[in-house]
Amino acid sequence: MAKPLPWPAIHRLEVAEDYPAAIDALEARLSADPHDAEAVTRLGFNLWFAVVENDRMQKALPVQGYAERFMELFSIYRDRLSDCTDFCWAFGLGMSMFWYYFPKATEGEGNRLLHRARTLDPFWARLLKPGADLTRLKDRGIFAKYYNVS
């Protein structure tokens, strides 16, 4: 098996919306280390983002497969990463806004995850407030792009 790409290379793929390369690179990282919470979190965020933004990007992505993989990841990691605020935020945001794209997802589950992230970590509670310090998202691929952090 080839060595997974380093995080800076994956960041560049994510920011460029280079799908499916970004998702494939994150899958490779997760395959190399199934306990890598950052890989799970960013893969989940990229999966829902690609599903939702496919039309805008004018790509013929396998959105149904991505939607199913998103829910599969959530099912696998929901208990193990229930205290990982980034995981809760990434999956909660996708489900709360776009639950109808994902099999068996609910808006309520998404909102519960967002609430958990905000409760466990003040960063997520302050995220959208004016003047919030977003440097935590710098160099974190789709998180950086989504929240316009350079």
Protein backbone atom coordinates (compact mmCIF):
# COMPACT_ATOMS: atom_id res chain seq x y z
CA MET A 1 0.00 0.00 0.00
CA ALA A 2 1.29 3.46 -0.91
CA LYS A 3 2.04 5.90 1.87
CA PRO A 4 -0.89 8.31 2.42
CA LEU A 5 -0.46 11.91 1.35
CA PRO A 6 0.76 14.35 4.00
CA TRP A 7 -1.77 16.78 5.49
CA PRO A 8 -0.52 19.85 3.54
CA ALA A 9 -1.10 18.00 0.24
CA ILE A 10 -4.57 16.92 1.34
CA HIS A 11 -5.30 20.50 2.43
CA ARG A 12 -4.49 21.73 -1.08
CA LEU A 13 -6.78 19.12 -2.67
CA GLU A 14 -9.63 20.05 -0.35
CA VAL A 15 -9.29 23.80 -0.84
CA ALA A 16 -9.17 23.30 -4.62
CA GLU A 17 -12.31 21.13 -4.38
CA ASP A 18 -10.35 18.49 -6.27
CA TYR A 19 -12.85 15.69 -5.96
CA PRO A 20 -12.63 12.75 -5.89
CA ALA A 21 -8.87 13.12 -5.25
CA ALA A 22 -9.38 14.80 -1.85
CA ILE A 23 -11.84 12.15 -0.69
CA ASP A 24 -9.60 9.35 -1.97
CA ALA A 25 -6.61 10.84 -0.12
CA LEU A 26 -8.61 11.04 3.11
CA GLU A 27 -9.85 7.47 2.66
CA ALA A 28 -6.19 6.38 2.25
CA ARG A 29 -5.22 8.15 5.49
CA LEU A 30 -8.12 6.53 7.31
CA SER A 31 -7.23 3.14 5.88
CA ALA A 32 -3.66 3.55 7.13
CA ASP A 33 -4.89 4.59 10.59
CA PRO A 34 -8.54 3.82 11.38
CA HIS A 35 -8.20 5.73 14.68
CA ASP A 36 -7.25 9.04 13.06
CA ALA A 37 -10.03 11.38 14.23
CA GLU A 38 -8.82 14.19 11.94
CA ALA A 39 -9.11 11.91 8.90
CA VAL A 40 -12.62 10.80 9.93
CA THR A 41 -13.75 14.36 10.60
CA ARG A 42 -12.38 15.86 7.40
CA LEU A 43 -13.55 12.94 5.31
CA GLY A 44 -17.06 13.36 6.68
CA PHE A 45 -17.06 17.10 6.01
CA ASN A 46 -15.73 16.59 2.47
CA LEU A 47 -18.28 13.90 1.72
CA TRP A 48 -21.27 16.03 2.63
CA PHE A 49 -19.75 19.11 1.01
CA ALA A 50 -19.18 17.24 -2.27
CA VAL A 51 -22.73 15.88 -2.21
CA VAL A 52 -24.27 19.29 -1.60
CA GLU A 53 -21.99 21.28 -3.91
CA ASN A 54 -21.80 18.79 -6.80
CA ASP A 55 -24.10 20.82 -9.05
CA ARG A 56 -22.29 24.09 -8.36
CA MET A 57 -18.92 22.47 -9.07
CA GLN A 58 -20.40 20.93 -12.24
CA LYS A 59 -18.84 17.57 -11.55
CA ALA A 60 -20.30 14.14 -12.04
CA LEU A 61 -19.38 12.87 -8.60
CA PRO A 62 -20.81 9.64 -7.17
CA VAL A 63 -23.00 11.60 -4.78
CA GLN A 64 -25.18 8.68 -3.76
CA GLY A 65 -22.08 6.69 -2.80
CA TYR A 66 -20.66 9.71 -0.96
CA ALA A 67 -23.94 10.18 0.93
CA GLU A 68 -23.96 6.51 1.95
CA ARG A 69 -20.29 6.66 2.98
CA PHE A 70 -20.99 9.75 5.09
CA MET A 71 -23.65 7.87 7.04
CA GLU A 72 -21.49 4.74 7.25
CA LEU A 73 -18.66 6.78 8.80
CA PHE A 74 -21.08 8.37 11.22
CA SER A 75 -22.40 4.97 12.24
CA ILE A 76 -18.90 3.55 12.74
CA TYR A 77 -17.47 6.50 14.68
CA ARG A 78 -20.44 8.10 16.45
CA ASP A 79 -19.75 6.40 19.79
CA ARG A 80 -15.96 6.39 19.60
CA LEU A 81 -15.79 10.09 18.70
CA SER A 82 -18.79 11.36 20.67
CA ASP A 83 -16.49 13.65 22.68
CA CYS A 84 -14.54 14.87 19.65
CA THR A 85 -16.05 18.28 19.08
CA ASP A 86 -14.69 18.60 15.53
CA PHE A 87 -16.34 15.31 14.60
CA CYS A 88 -19.63 16.42 16.17
CA TRP A 89 -19.47 19.74 14.32
CA ALA A 90 -18.51 18.29 10.92
CA PHE A 91 -21.18 15.61 10.91
CA GLY A 92 -23.75 17.72 12.74
CA LEU A 93 -23.47 20.59 10.29
CA GLY A 94 -24.03 18.34 7.29
CA MET A 95 -26.96 16.56 8.87
CA SER A 96 -28.63 19.64 10.35
CA MET A 97 -28.69 21.53 7.06
CA PHE A 98 -28.89 18.76 4.48
CA TRP A 99 -30.37 15.73 6.26
CA TYR A 100 -32.53 14.95 3.20
CA TYR A 101 -29.42 14.01 1.16
CA PHE A 102 -28.26 11.35 3.61
CA PRO A 103 -29.98 7.99 4.19
CA LYS A 104 -31.49 7.80 7.69
CA ALA A 105 -30.06 11.18 8.74
CA THR A 106 -32.28 13.58 10.64
CA GLU A 107 -32.14 17.30 11.20
CA GLY A 108 -32.62 16.60 14.92
CA GLU A 109 -29.55 14.37 15.07
CA GLY A 110 -27.54 17.05 13.31
CA ASN A 111 -28.73 19.72 15.74
CA ARG A 112 -27.93 17.43 18.69
CA LEU A 113 -24.36 17.01 17.41
CA LEU A 114 -23.93 20.77 16.93
CA HIS A 115 -25.22 21.38 20.45
CA ARG A 116 -22.77 18.81 21.82
CA ALA A 117 -19.86 20.46 20.01
CA ARG A 118 -20.85 23.89 21.38
CA THR A 119 -21.28 22.51 24.89
CA LEU A 120 -17.94 20.70 24.97
CA ASP A 121 -15.83 23.36 23.25
CA PRO A 122 -16.33 27.13 23.44
CA PHE A 123 -14.66 27.50 20.03
CA TRP A 124 -17.73 26.07 18.31
CA ALA A 125 -20.05 28.16 20.47
CA ARG A 126 -18.24 31.37 19.39
CA LEU A 127 -17.61 30.35 15.77
CA LEU A 128 -20.10 32.62 14.03
CA LYS A 129 -19.84 35.58 16.39
CA PRO A 130 -18.18 38.75 15.06
CA GLY A 131 -14.47 38.82 15.77
CA ALA A 132 -14.23 35.08 16.48
CA ASP A 133 -10.67 33.78 16.23
CA LEU A 134 -10.74 31.13 13.50
CA THR A 135 -7.01 30.33 13.40
CA ARG A 136 -7.80 26.86 14.72
CA LEU A 137 -9.19 26.08 11.25
CA LYS A 138 -6.09 27.23 9.36
CA ASP A 139 -4.54 24.53 7.17
CA ARG A 140 -7.46 22.19 7.85
CA GLY A 141 -8.68 21.79 4.30
CA ILE A 142 -12.40 22.04 3.85
CA PHE A 143 -12.84 23.60 7.32
CA ALA A 144 -10.54 26.44 6.25
CA LYS A 145 -12.28 26.86 2.89
CA TYR A 146 -15.82 26.65 4.26
CA TYR A 147 -15.15 29.29 6.92
CA ASN A 148 -12.95 31.41 4.62
CA VAL A 149 -9.80 31.01 6.71
CA SER A 150 -6.55 31.54 4.84
